[in-house]
Amino acid sequence: MPAPKKRVTKNKDIDMNNQYVAGLFSEFIEERKALGRVPETIKSYMTTYNKFDKYFGDRADEAGNIYGSMFIEWTNAMRDEGLKAATINHNLSDMRAFMYWCMDESRKYIAPFECRVAG
């Protein structure tokens, strides 16, 4: 007899947890552009987001599915790929900016968690 499937619950206390992450990221990028971020920074955010999206795929399509433990998993995966600590930290810093934007009190797209850079 197969084991019962784990029930995945979303953060019901988050107002907008059913938003698609890709749409939120587009909004984040437009805001960063409006704030005058240089094109290199925008490109860096986009490159890193694409790496994150490629790694997690469907698991991270909706904001309500994003959790802090994903960043531990992603950090370990990047280490396993042989990426240098500076590259891992750069990727985490880029995504942390986006995640904290999503967690902002005025948005609440994602349940708050701490997103640390690798040590």
PDB file of N, CA and C in Angstrom:
ATOM      1  N   MET A   1       0.845  -1.172   0.000  1.00  0.00           N
ATOM      2  CA  MET A   1       0.000   0.000   0.000  1.00  0.00           C
ATOM      3  C   MET A   1       0.898   1.244   0.000  1.00  0.00           C
ATOM      4  N   PRO A   2       0.692   2.167  -0.940  1.00  0.00           N
ATOM      5  CA  PRO A   2       1.552   3.356  -1.004  1.00  0.00           C
ATOM      6  C   PRO A   2       1.328   4.267   0.197  1.00  0.00           C
ATOM      7  N   ALA A   3       2.395   4.956   0.553  1.00  0.00           N
ATOM      8  CA  ALA A   3       2.315   5.909   1.660  1.00  0.00           C
ATOM      9  C   ALA A   3       1.400   7.058   1.262  1.00  0.00           C
ATOM     10  N   PRO A   4       0.667   7.599   2.233  1.00  0.00           N
ATOM     11  CA  PRO A   4      -0.204   8.734   1.899  1.00  0.00           C
ATOM     12  C   PRO A   4       0.626   9.938   1.479  1.00  0.00           C
ATOM     13  N   LYS A   5       0.079  10.696   0.556  1.00  0.00           N
ATOM     14  CA  LYS A   5       0.771  11.899   0.091  1.00  0.00           C
ATOM     15  C   LYS A   5       0.754  12.953   1.177  1.00  0.00           C
ATOM     16  N   LYS A   6       1.865  13.689   1.250  1.00  0.00           N
ATOM     17  CA  LYS A   6       1.921  14.796   2.187  1.00  0.00           C
ATOM     18  C   LYS A   6       1.038  15.918   1.673  1.00  0.00           C
ATOM     19  N   ARG A   7       0.280  16.482   2.553  1.00  0.00           N
ATOM     20  CA  ARG A   7      -0.555  17.617   2.179  1.00  0.00           C
ATOM     21  C   ARG A   7       0.288  18.882   2.282  1.00  0.00           C
ATOM     22  N   VAL A   8       0.352  19.639   1.215  1.00  0.00           N
ATOM     23  CA  VAL A   8       1.089  20.891   1.206  1.00  0.00           C
ATOM     24  C   VAL A   8       0.115  22.014   1.473  1.00  0.00           C
ATOM     25  N   THR A   9       0.387  22.768   2.518  1.00  0.00           N
ATOM     26  CA  THR A   9      -0.488  23.888   2.834  1.00  0.00           C
ATOM     27  C   THR A   9       0.219  25.190   2.519  1.00  0.00           C
ATOM     28  N   LYS A  10      -0.528  26.087   1.980  1.00  0.00           N
ATOM     29  CA  LYS A  10       0.006  27.410   1.673  1.00  0.00           C
ATOM     30  C   LYS A  10      -0.214  28.328   2.862  1.00  0.00           C
ATOM     31  N   ASN A  11       0.513  29.405   2.873  1.00  0.00           N
ATOM     32  CA  ASN A  11       0.389  30.389   3.935  1.00  0.00           C
ATOM     33  C   ASN A  11      -0.910  31.167   3.754  1.00  0.00           C
ATOM     34  N   LYS A  12      -1.944  30.775   4.454  1.00  0.00           N
ATOM     35  CA  LYS A  12      -3.244  31.407   4.291  1.00  0.00           C
ATOM     36  C   LYS A  12      -3.296  32.814   4.870  1.00  0.00           C
ATOM     37  N   ASP A  13      -2.335  33.149   5.744  1.00  0.00           N
ATOM     38  CA  ASP A  13      -2.337  34.483   6.330  1.00  0.00           C
ATOM     39  C   ASP A  13      -1.696  35.517   5.418  1.00  0.00           C
ATOM     40  N   ILE A  14      -1.160  35.090   4.309  1.00  0.00           N
ATOM     41  CA  ILE A  14      -0.550  36.004   3.356  1.00  0.00           C
ATOM     42  C   ILE A  14      -1.621  36.398   2.342  1.00  0.00           C
ATOM     43  N   ASP A  15      -1.796  37.695   2.166  1.00  0.00           N
ATOM     44  CA  ASP A  15      -2.875  38.207   1.331  1.00  0.00           C
ATOM     45  C   ASP A  15      -2.801  37.755  -0.129  1.00  0.00           C
ATOM     46  N   MET A  16      -1.635  37.786  -0.712  1.00  0.00           N
ATOM     47  CA  MET A  16      -1.517  37.603  -2.149  1.00  0.00           C
ATOM     48  C   MET A  16      -0.689  36.372  -2.518  1.00  0.00           C
ATOM     49  N   ASN A  17      -0.772  35.286  -1.754  1.00  0.00           N
ATOM     50  CA  ASN A  17       0.132  34.173  -1.965  1.00  0.00           C
ATOM     51  C   ASN A  17      -0.140  33.367  -3.231  1.00  0.00           C
ATOM     52  N   ASN A  18      -1.170  33.686  -3.963  1.00  0.00           N
ATOM     53  CA  ASN A  18      -1.435  32.952  -5.189  1.00  0.00           C
ATOM     54  C   ASN A  18      -0.929  33.693  -6.429  1.00  0.00           C
ATOM     55  N   GLN A  19      -0.129  34.715  -6.226  1.00  0.00           N
ATOM     56  CA  GLN A  19       0.426  35.468  -7.344  1.00  0.00           C
ATOM     57  C   GLN A  19       1.521  34.647  -8.021  1.00  0.00           C
ATOM     58  N   TYR A  20       1.619  34.755  -9.330  1.00  0.00           N
ATOM     59  CA  TYR A  20       2.692  34.086 -10.049  1.00  0.00           C
ATOM     60  C   TYR A  20       3.993  34.845  -9.837  1.00  0.00           C
ATOM     61  N   VAL A  21       5.036  34.106  -9.501  1.00  0.00           N
ATOM     62  CA  VAL A  21       6.326  34.703  -9.187  1.00  0.00           C
ATOM     63  C   VAL A  21       6.895  35.448 -10.393  1.00  0.00           C
ATOM     64  N   ALA A  22       6.692  34.923 -11.588  1.00  0.00           N
ATOM     65  CA  ALA A  22       7.216  35.587 -12.786  1.00  0.00           C
ATOM     66  C   ALA A  22       6.619  36.988 -12.940  1.00  0.00           C
ATOM     67  N   GLY A  23       5.334  37.123 -12.677  1.00  0.00           N
ATOM     68  CA  GLY A  23       4.694  38.430 -12.750  1.00  0.00           C
ATOM     69  C   GLY A  23       5.198  39.375 -11.673  1.00  0.00           C
ATOM     70  N   LEU A  24       5.404  38.840 -10.487  1.00  0.00           N
ATOM     71  CA  LEU A  24       5.954  39.652  -9.400  1.00  0.00           C
ATOM     72  C   LEU A  24       7.368  40.107  -9.732  1.00  0.00           C
ATOM     73  N   PHE A  25       8.141  39.207 -10.330  1.00  0.00           N
ATOM     74  CA  PHE A  25       9.507  39.576 -10.683  1.00  0.00           C
ATOM     75  C   PHE A  25       9.507  40.691 -11.735  1.00  0.00           C
ATOM     76  N   SER A  26       8.611  40.624 -12.685  1.00  0.00           N
ATOM     77  CA  SER A  26       8.503  41.688 -13.686  1.00  0.00           C
ATOM     78  C   SER A  26       8.176  43.025 -13.029  1.00  0.00           C
ATOM     79  N   GLU A  27       7.275  42.999 -12.056  1.00  0.00           N
ATOM     80  CA  GLU A  27       6.923  44.213 -11.320  1.00  0.00           C
ATOM     81  C   GLU A  27       8.137  44.740 -10.545  1.00  0.00           C
ATOM     82  N   PHE A  28       8.877  43.826  -9.920  1.00  0.00           N
ATOM     83  CA  PHE A  28      10.094  44.188  -9.185  1.00  0.00           C
ATOM     84  C   PHE A  28      11.106  44.867 -10.113  1.00  0.00           C
ATOM     85  N   ILE A  29      11.313  44.284 -11.300  1.00  0.00           N
ATOM     86  CA  ILE A  29      12.278  44.836 -12.261  1.00  0.00           C
ATOM     87  C   ILE A  29      11.830  46.218 -12.719  1.00  0.00           C
ATOM     88  N   GLU A  30      10.556  46.394 -13.009  1.00  0.00           N
ATOM     89  CA  GLU A  30      10.054  47.704 -13.442  1.00  0.00           C
ATOM     90  C   GLU A  30      10.262  48.749 -12.350  1.00  0.00           C
ATOM     91  N   GLU A  31      10.052  48.351 -11.106  1.00  0.00           N
ATOM     92  CA  GLU A  31      10.265  49.283 -10.000  1.00  0.00           C
ATOM     93  C   GLU A  31      11.749  49.624  -9.857  1.00  0.00           C
ATOM     94  N   ARG A  32      12.609  48.629 -10.001  1.00  0.00           N
ATOM     95  CA  ARG A  32      14.056  48.878  -9.907  1.00  0.00           C
ATOM     96  C   ARG A  32      14.507  49.836 -11.014  1.00  0.00           C
ATOM     97  N   LYS A  33      13.965  49.654 -12.203  1.00  0.00           N
ATOM     98  CA  LYS A  33      14.292  50.566 -13.309  1.00  0.00           C
ATOM     99  C   LYS A  33      13.834  51.985 -12.980  1.00  0.00           C
ATOM    100  N   ALA A  34      12.621  52.110 -12.452  1.00  0.00           N
ATOM    101  CA  ALA A  34      12.078  53.425 -12.095  1.00  0.00           C
ATOM    102  C   ALA A  34      12.918  54.089 -11.007  1.00  0.00           C
ATOM    103  N   LEU A  35      13.533  53.289 -10.154  1.00  0.00           N
ATOM    104  CA  LEU A  35      14.382  53.818  -9.090  1.00  0.00           C
ATOM    105  C   LEU A  35      15.798  54.147  -9.574  1.00  0.00           C
ATOM    106  N   GLY A  36      16.047  53.888 -10.859  1.00  0.00           N
ATOM    107  CA  GLY A  36      17.322  54.270 -11.442  1.00  0.00           C
ATOM    108  C   GLY A  36      18.450  53.265 -11.312  1.00  0.00           C
ATOM    109  N   ARG A  37      18.127  51.996 -11.092  1.00  0.00           N
ATOM    110  CA  ARG A  37      19.186  50.992 -11.036  1.00  0.00           C
ATOM    111  C   ARG A  37      19.864  50.903 -12.404  1.00  0.00           C
ATOM    112  N   VAL A  38      21.165  50.712 -12.383  1.00  0.00           N
ATOM    113  CA  VAL A  38      21.923  50.662 -13.633  1.00  0.00           C
ATOM    114  C   VAL A  38      21.573  49.377 -14.390  1.00  0.00           C
ATOM    115  N   PRO A  39      21.711  49.407 -15.722  1.00  0.00           N
ATOM    116  CA  PRO A  39      21.365  48.230 -16.523  1.00  0.00           C
ATOM    117  C   PRO A  39      22.101  46.953 -16.106  1.00  0.00           C
ATOM    118  N   GLU A  40      23.329  47.088 -15.633  1.00  0.00           N
ATOM    119  CA  GLU A  40      24.091  45.909 -15.203  1.00  0.00           C
ATOM    120  C   GLU A  40      23.426  45.235 -14.000  1.00  0.00           C
ATOM    121  N   THR A  41      22.887  46.044 -13.100  1.00  0.00           N
ATOM    122  CA  THR A  41      22.201  45.493 -11.924  1.00  0.00           C
ATOM    123  C   THR A  41      20.913  44.796 -12.346  1.00  0.00           C
ATOM    124  N   ILE A  42      20.176  45.422 -13.232  1.00  0.00           N
ATOM    125  CA  ILE A  42      18.934  44.819 -13.742  1.00  0.00           C
ATOM    126  C   ILE A  42      19.245  43.494 -14.423  1.00  0.00           C
ATOM    127  N   LYS A  43      20.279  43.483 -15.250  1.00  0.00           N
ATOM    128  CA  LYS A  43      20.676  42.253 -15.950  1.00  0.00           C
ATOM    129  C   LYS A  43      21.071  41.170 -14.944  1.00  0.00           C
ATOM    130  N   SER A  44      21.773  41.556 -13.894  1.00  0.00           N
ATOM    131  CA  SER A  44      22.177  40.602 -12.865  1.00  0.00           C
ATOM    132  C   SER A  44      20.964  39.993 -12.179  1.00  0.00           C
ATOM    133  N   TYR A  45      19.999  40.844 -11.802  1.00  0.00           N
ATOM    134  CA  TYR A  45      18.766  40.329 -11.200  1.00  0.00           C
ATOM    135  C   TYR A  45      18.084  39.321 -12.122  1.00  0.00           C
ATOM    136  N   MET A  46      18.008  39.659 -13.395  1.00  0.00           N
ATOM    137  CA  MET A  46      17.308  38.807 -14.357  1.00  0.00           C
ATOM    138  C   MET A  46      18.038  37.475 -14.554  1.00  0.00           C
ATOM    139  N   THR A  47      19.354  37.537 -14.658  1.00  0.00           N
ATOM    140  CA  THR A  47      20.137  36.318 -14.834  1.00  0.00           C
ATOM    141  C   THR A  47      19.976  35.397 -13.631  1.00  0.00           C
ATOM    142  N   THR A  48      20.067  35.973 -12.452  1.00  0.00           N
ATOM    143  CA  THR A  48      19.940  35.170 -11.234  1.00  0.00           C
ATOM    144  C   THR A  48      18.541  34.605 -11.085  1.00  0.00           C
ATOM    145  N   TYR A  49      17.523  35.417 -11.371  1.00  0.00           N
ATOM    146  CA  TYR A  49      16.151  34.917 -11.286  1.00  0.00           C
ATOM    147  C   TYR A  49      15.954  33.741 -12.246  1.00  0.00           C
ATOM    148  N   ASN A  50      16.498  33.835 -13.448  1.00  0.00           N
ATOM    149  CA  ASN A  50      16.367  32.745 -14.415  1.00  0.00           C
ATOM    150  C   ASN A  50      17.029  31.466 -13.905  1.00  0.00           C
ATOM    151  N   LYS A  51      18.162  31.591 -13.212  1.00  0.00           N
ATOM    152  CA  LYS A  51      18.820  30.418 -12.615  1.00  0.00           C
ATOM    153  C   LYS A  51      17.933  29.806 -11.530  1.00  0.00           C
ATOM    154  N   PHE A  52      17.375  30.666 -10.688  1.00  0.00           N
ATOM    155  CA  PHE A  52      16.479  30.215  -9.620  1.00  0.00           C
ATOM    156  C   PHE A  52      15.261  29.510 -10.214  1.00  0.00           C
ATOM    157  N   ASP A  53      14.654  30.135 -11.211  1.00  0.00           N
ATOM    158  CA  ASP A  53      13.471  29.584 -11.859  1.00  0.00           C
ATOM    159  C   ASP A  53      13.783  28.254 -12.539  1.00  0.00           C
ATOM    160  N   LYS A  54      14.927  28.169 -13.185  1.00  0.00           N
ATOM    161  CA  LYS A  54      15.318  26.930 -13.858  1.00  0.00           C
ATOM    162  C   LYS A  54      15.525  25.806 -12.848  1.00  0.00           C
ATOM    163  N   TYR A  55      16.141  26.131 -11.714  1.00  0.00           N
ATOM    164  CA  TYR A  55      16.394  25.111 -10.706  1.00  0.00           C
ATOM    165  C   TYR A  55      15.091  24.594 -10.095  1.00  0.00           C
ATOM    166  N   PHE A  56      14.191  25.493  -9.700  1.00  0.00           N
ATOM    167  CA  PHE A  56      12.976  25.082  -8.994  1.00  0.00           C
ATOM    168  C   PHE A  56      11.808  24.765  -9.910  1.00  0.00           C
ATOM    169  N   GLY A  57      11.771  25.329 -11.095  1.00  0.00           N
ATOM    170  CA  GLY A  57      10.688  25.029 -12.028  1.00  0.00           C
ATOM    171  C   GLY A  57       9.316  25.295 -11.432  1.00  0.00           C
ATOM    172  N   ASP A  58       8.410  24.345 -11.614  1.00  0.00           N
ATOM    173  CA  ASP A  58       7.020  24.476 -11.165  1.00  0.00           C
ATOM    174  C   ASP A  58       6.892  24.629  -9.655  1.00  0.00           C
ATOM    175  N   ARG A  59       7.876  24.162  -8.918  1.00  0.00           N
ATOM    176  CA  ARG A  59       7.802  24.239  -7.452  1.00  0.00           C
ATOM    177  C   ARG A  59       7.750  25.681  -6.957  1.00  0.00           C
ATOM    178  N   ALA A  60       8.234  26.613  -7.766  1.00  0.00           N
ATOM    179  CA  ALA A  60       8.283  28.016  -7.345  1.00  0.00           C
ATOM    180  C   ALA A  60       7.467  28.920  -8.260  1.00  0.00           C
ATOM    181  N   ASP A  61       6.458  28.376  -8.905  1.00  0.00           N
ATOM    182  CA  ASP A  61       5.631  29.184  -9.809  1.00  0.00           C
ATOM    183  C   ASP A  61       4.775  30.214  -9.075  1.00  0.00           C
ATOM    184  N   GLU A  62       4.258  29.826  -7.909  1.00  0.00           N
ATOM    185  CA  GLU A  62       3.382  30.718  -7.152  1.00  0.00           C
ATOM    186  C   GLU A  62       4.089  31.195  -5.891  1.00  0.00           C
ATOM    187  N   ALA A  63       3.850  32.450  -5.544  1.00  0.00           N
ATOM    188  CA  ALA A  63       4.517  33.061  -4.394  1.00  0.00           C
ATOM    189  C   ALA A  63       4.257  32.295  -3.100  1.00  0.00           C
ATOM    190  N   GLY A  64       3.096  31.729  -2.945  1.00  0.00           N
ATOM    191  CA  GLY A  64       2.766  30.976  -1.740  1.00  0.00           C
ATOM    192  C   GLY A  64       3.570  29.709  -1.565  1.00  0.00           C
ATOM    193  N   ASN A  65       4.281  29.301  -2.595  1.00  0.00           N
ATOM    194  CA  ASN A  65       5.103  28.092  -2.534  1.00  0.00           C
ATOM    195  C   ASN A  65       6.562  28.376  -2.209  1.00  0.00           C
ATOM    196  N   ILE A  66       6.911  29.638  -1.994  1.00  0.00           N
ATOM    197  CA  ILE A  66       8.297  30.019  -1.718  1.00  0.00           C
ATOM    198  C   ILE A  66       8.526  30.006  -0.203  1.00  0.00           C
ATOM    199  N   TYR A  67       9.552  29.276   0.202  1.00  0.00           N
ATOM    200  CA  TYR A  67       9.912  29.170   1.615  1.00  0.00           C
ATOM    201  C   TYR A  67      11.415  29.344   1.785  1.00  0.00           C
ATOM    202  N   GLY A  68      11.816  29.728   2.967  1.00  0.00           N
ATOM    203  CA  GLY A  68      13.226  29.944   3.263  1.00  0.00           C
ATOM    204  C   GLY A  68      14.082  28.713   3.039  1.00  0.00           C
ATOM    205  N   SER A  69      13.551  27.533   3.303  1.00  0.00           N
ATOM    206  CA  SER A  69      14.331  26.301   3.140  1.00  0.00           C
ATOM    207  C   SER A  69      14.744  26.071   1.685  1.00  0.00           C
ATOM    208  N   MET A  70      14.034  26.672   0.760  1.00  0.00           N
ATOM    209  CA  MET A  70      14.401  26.540  -0.652  1.00  0.00           C
ATOM    210  C   MET A  70      15.779  27.149  -0.909  1.00  0.00           C
ATOM    211  N   PHE A  71      16.102  28.199  -0.174  1.00  0.00           N
ATOM    212  CA  PHE A  71      17.378  28.863  -0.394  1.00  0.00           C
ATOM    213  C   PHE A  71      18.539  28.055   0.169  1.00  0.00           C
ATOM    214  N   ILE A  72      18.272  27.272   1.202  1.00  0.00           N
ATOM    215  CA  ILE A  72      19.284  26.347   1.704  1.00  0.00           C
ATOM    216  C   ILE A  72      19.521  25.262   0.656  1.00  0.00           C
ATOM    217  N   GLU A  73      18.441  24.730   0.120  1.00  0.00           N
ATOM    218  CA  GLU A  73      18.538  23.709  -0.932  1.00  0.00           C
ATOM    219  C   GLU A  73      19.297  24.242  -2.143  1.00  0.00           C
ATOM    220  N   TRP A  74      18.950  25.444  -2.567  1.00  0.00           N
ATOM    221  CA  TRP A  74      19.580  26.033  -3.745  1.00  0.00           C
ATOM    222  C   TRP A  74      21.065  26.304  -3.483  1.00  0.00           C
ATOM    223  N   THR A  75      21.394  26.775  -2.288  1.00  0.00           N
ATOM    224  CA  THR A  75      22.787  27.013  -1.922  1.00  0.00           C
ATOM    225  C   THR A  75      23.579  25.715  -2.011  1.00  0.00           C
ATOM    226  N   ASN A  76      23.044  24.642  -1.451  1.00  0.00           N
ATOM    227  CA  ASN A  76      23.729  23.348  -1.506  1.00  0.00           C
ATOM    228  C   ASN A  76      23.878  22.853  -2.938  1.00  0.00           C
ATOM    229  N   ALA A  77      22.861  23.077  -3.755  1.00  0.00           N
ATOM    230  CA  ALA A  77      22.927  22.663  -5.161  1.00  0.00           C
ATOM    231  C   ALA A  77      24.014  23.440  -5.904  1.00  0.00           C
ATOM    232  N   MET A  78      24.107  24.738  -5.623  1.00  0.00           N
ATOM    233  CA  MET A  78      25.151  25.549  -6.275  1.00  0.00           C
ATOM    234  C   MET A  78      26.536  25.100  -5.822  1.00  0.00           C
ATOM    235  N   ARG A  79      26.668  24.746  -4.545  1.00  0.00           N
ATOM    236  CA  ARG A  79      27.959  24.230  -4.053  1.00  0.00           C
ATOM    237  C   ARG A  79      28.301  22.924  -4.748  1.00  0.00           C
ATOM    238  N   ASP A  80      27.291  22.061  -4.890  1.00  0.00           N
ATOM    239  CA  ASP A  80      27.505  20.772  -5.565  1.00  0.00           C
ATOM    240  C   ASP A  80      27.914  20.953  -7.018  1.00  0.00           C
ATOM    241  N   GLU A  81      27.458  22.050  -7.636  1.00  0.00           N
ATOM    242  CA  GLU A  81      27.858  22.368  -9.011  1.00  0.00           C
ATOM    243  C   GLU A  81      29.308  22.828  -9.082  1.00  0.00           C
ATOM    244  N   GLY A  82      29.867  23.171  -7.920  1.00  0.00           N
ATOM    245  CA  GLY A  82      31.245  23.648  -7.889  1.00  0.00           C
ATOM    246  C   GLY A  82      31.376  25.159  -8.011  1.00  0.00           C
ATOM    247  N   LEU A  83      30.263  25.877  -7.837  1.00  0.00           N
ATOM    248  CA  LEU A  83      30.344  27.336  -7.908  1.00  0.00           C
ATOM    249  C   LEU A  83      31.133  27.869  -6.714  1.00  0.00           C
ATOM    250  N   LYS A  84      31.847  28.938  -6.947  1.00  0.00           N
ATOM    251  CA  LYS A  84      32.624  29.567  -5.886  1.00  0.00           C
ATOM    252  C   LYS A  84      31.694  30.290  -4.924  1.00  0.00           C
ATOM    253  N   ALA A  85      32.185  30.470  -3.688  1.00  0.00           N
ATOM    254  CA  ALA A  85      31.389  31.124  -2.650  1.00  0.00           C
ATOM    255  C   ALA A  85      30.944  32.517  -3.083  1.00  0.00           C
ATOM    256  N   ALA A  86      31.802  33.250  -3.780  1.00  0.00           N
ATOM    257  CA  ALA A  86      31.441  34.604  -4.229  1.00  0.00           C
ATOM    258  C   ALA A  86      30.270  34.571  -5.207  1.00  0.00           C
ATOM    259  N   THR A  87      30.249  33.590  -6.093  1.00  0.00           N
ATOM    260  CA  THR A  87      29.158  33.452  -7.062  1.00  0.00           C
ATOM    261  C   THR A  87      27.863  33.073  -6.355  1.00  0.00           C
ATOM    262  N   ILE A  88      27.959  32.145  -5.425  1.00  0.00           N
ATOM    263  CA  ILE A  88      26.782  31.725  -4.661  1.00  0.00           C
ATOM    264  C   ILE A  88      26.218  32.919  -3.897  1.00  0.00           C
ATOM    265  N   ASN A  89      27.087  33.660  -3.236  1.00  0.00           N
ATOM    266  CA  ASN A  89      26.638  34.828  -2.470  1.00  0.00           C
ATOM    267  C   ASN A  89      26.023  35.890  -3.369  1.00  0.00           C
ATOM    268  N   HIS A  90      26.584  36.070  -4.549  1.00  0.00           N
ATOM    269  CA  HIS A  90      26.021  37.030  -5.500  1.00  0.00           C
ATOM    270  C   HIS A  90      24.606  36.613  -5.884  1.00  0.00           C
ATOM    271  N   ASN A  91      24.423  35.334  -6.218  1.00  0.00           N
ATOM    272  CA  ASN A  91      23.097  34.832  -6.586  1.00  0.00           C
ATOM    273  C   ASN A  91      22.108  34.985  -5.434  1.00  0.00           C
ATOM    274  N   LEU A  92      22.550  34.645  -4.229  1.00  0.00           N
ATOM    275  CA  LEU A  92      21.676  34.767  -3.069  1.00  0.00           C
ATOM    276  C   LEU A  92      21.329  36.221  -2.784  1.00  0.00           C
ATOM    277  N   SER A  93      22.290  37.109  -2.945  1.00  0.00           N
ATOM    278  CA  SER A  93      22.029  38.541  -2.710  1.00  0.00           C
ATOM    279  C   SER A  93      21.007  39.091  -3.699  1.00  0.00           C
ATOM    280  N   ASP A  94      21.139  38.713  -4.959  1.00  0.00           N
ATOM    281  CA  ASP A  94      20.166  39.149  -5.964  1.00  0.00           C
ATOM    282  C   ASP A  94      18.759  38.658  -5.615  1.00  0.00           C
ATOM    283  N   MET A  95      18.661  37.378  -5.300  1.00  0.00           N
ATOM    284  CA  MET A  95      17.343  36.824  -4.992  1.00  0.00           C
ATOM    285  C   MET A  95      16.810  37.348  -3.665  1.00  0.00           C
ATOM    286  N   ARG A  96      17.709  37.628  -2.728  1.00  0.00           N
ATOM    287  CA  ARG A  96      17.279  38.180  -1.451  1.00  0.00           C
ATOM    288  C   ARG A  96      16.613  39.542  -1.663  1.00  0.00           C
ATOM    289  N   ALA A  97      17.172  40.356  -2.546  1.00  0.00           N
ATOM    290  CA  ALA A  97      16.564  41.658  -2.837  1.00  0.00           C
ATOM    291  C   ALA A  97      15.131  41.476  -3.333  1.00  0.00           C
ATOM    292  N   PHE A  98      14.926  40.533  -4.226  1.00  0.00           N
ATOM    293  CA  PHE A  98      13.590  40.259  -4.753  1.00  0.00           C
ATOM    294  C   PHE A  98      12.679  39.665  -3.676  1.00  0.00           C
ATOM    295  N   MET A  99      13.197  38.714  -2.909  1.00  0.00           N
ATOM    296  CA  MET A  99      12.381  38.087  -1.866  1.00  0.00           C
ATOM    297  C   MET A  99      11.937  39.100  -0.819  1.00  0.00           C
ATOM    298  N   TYR A 100      12.860  39.943  -0.375  1.00  0.00           N
ATOM    299  CA  TYR A 100      12.504  40.948   0.626  1.00  0.00           C
ATOM    300  C   TYR A 100      11.512  41.963   0.058  1.00  0.00           C
ATOM    301  N   TRP A 101      11.620  42.256  -1.225  1.00  0.00           N
ATOM    302  CA  TRP A 101      10.644  43.113  -1.882  1.00  0.00           C
ATOM    303  C   TRP A 101       9.266  42.452  -1.816  1.00  0.00           C
ATOM    304  N   CYS A 102       9.222  41.141  -2.075  1.00  0.00           N
ATOM    305  CA  CYS A 102       7.960  40.391  -2.020  1.00  0.00           C
ATOM    306  C   CYS A 102       7.395  40.308  -0.598  1.00  0.00           C
ATOM    307  N   MET A 103       8.277  40.295   0.393  1.00  0.00           N
ATOM    308  CA  MET A 103       7.858  40.181   1.793  1.00  0.00           C
ATOM    309  C   MET A 103       7.503  41.523   2.416  1.00  0.00           C
ATOM    310  N   ASP A 104       7.794  42.602   1.718  1.00  0.00           N
ATOM    311  CA  ASP A 104       7.555  43.935   2.251  1.00  0.00           C
ATOM    312  C   ASP A 104       6.151  44.042   2.836  1.00  0.00           C
ATOM    313  N   GLU A 105       6.050  44.763   3.916  1.00  0.00           N
ATOM    314  CA  GLU A 105       4.783  44.917   4.645  1.00  0.00           C
ATOM    315  C   GLU A 105       3.635  45.390   3.745  1.00  0.00           C
ATOM    316  N   SER A 106       3.946  46.201   2.742  1.00  0.00           N
ATOM    317  CA  SER A 106       2.888  46.709   1.870  1.00  0.00           C
ATOM    318  C   SER A 106       2.459  45.692   0.806  1.00  0.00           C
ATOM    319  N   ARG A 107       3.251  44.639   0.619  1.00  0.00           N
ATOM    320  CA  ARG A 107       2.932  43.644  -0.413  1.00  0.00           C
ATOM    321  C   ARG A 107       2.469  42.321   0.184  1.00  0.00           C
ATOM    322  N   LYS A 108       3.293  41.739   1.035  1.00  0.00           N
ATOM    323  CA  LYS A 108       3.008  40.447   1.679  1.00  0.00           C
ATOM    324  C   LYS A 108       2.712  39.343   0.674  1.00  0.00           C
ATOM    325  N   TYR A 109       3.464  39.306  -0.426  1.00  0.00           N
ATOM    326  CA  TYR A 109       3.277  38.249  -1.423  1.00  0.00           C
ATOM    327  C   TYR A 109       3.821  36.916  -0.927  1.00  0.00           C
ATOM    328  N   ILE A 110       4.838  36.980  -0.068  1.00  0.00           N
ATOM    329  CA  ILE A 110       5.513  35.791   0.432  1.00  0.00           C
ATOM    330  C   ILE A 110       5.598  35.891   1.945  1.00  0.00           C
ATOM    331  N   ALA A 111       5.413  34.762   2.623  1.00  0.00           N
ATOM    332  CA  ALA A 111       5.557  34.737   4.069  1.00  0.00           C
ATOM    333  C   ALA A 111       6.982  35.126   4.450  1.00  0.00           C
ATOM    334  N   PRO A 112       7.147  35.979   5.438  1.00  0.00           N
ATOM    335  CA  PRO A 112       8.488  36.434   5.822  1.00  0.00           C
ATOM    336  C   PRO A 112       9.408  35.290   6.252  1.00  0.00           C
ATOM    337  N   PHE A 113      10.639  35.364   5.810  1.00  0.00           N
ATOM    338  CA  PHE A 113      11.702  34.470   6.249  1.00  0.00           C
ATOM    339  C   PHE A 113      13.008  35.184   6.056  1.00  0.00           C
ATOM    340  N   GLU A 114      14.043  34.696   6.714  1.00  0.00           N
ATOM    341  CA  GLU A 114      15.362  35.306   6.576  1.00  0.00           C
ATOM    342  C   GLU A 114      16.110  34.604   5.460  1.00  0.00           C
ATOM    343  N   CYS A 115      16.650  35.358   4.567  1.00  0.00           N
ATOM    344  CA  CYS A 115      17.399  34.819   3.432  1.00  0.00           C
ATOM    345  C   CYS A 115      18.859  35.248   3.592  1.00  0.00           C
ATOM    346  N   ARG A 116      19.673  34.342   4.083  1.00  0.00           N
ATOM    347  CA  ARG A 116      21.074  34.662   4.370  1.00  0.00           C
ATOM    348  C   ARG A 116      21.975  34.286   3.204  1.00  0.00           C
ATOM    349  N   VAL A 117      23.075  35.006   3.111  1.00  0.00           N
ATOM    350  CA  VAL A 117      24.085  34.617   2.143  1.00  0.00           C
ATOM    351  C   VAL A 117      24.898  33.480   2.735  1.00  0.00           C
ATOM    352  N   ALA A 118      25.564  32.732   1.871  1.00  0.00           N
ATOM    353  CA  ALA A 118      26.353  31.583   2.306  1.00  0.00           C
ATOM    354  C   ALA A 118      27.552  32.037   3.119  1.00  0.00           C
ATOM    355  N   GLY A 119      27.912  31.237   4.090  1.00  0.00           N
ATOM    356  CA  GLY A 119      29.046  31.591   4.954  1.00  0.00           C
ATOM    357  C   GLY A 119      30.343  31.036   4.505  1.00  0.00           C
TER     358      GLY A 119
END
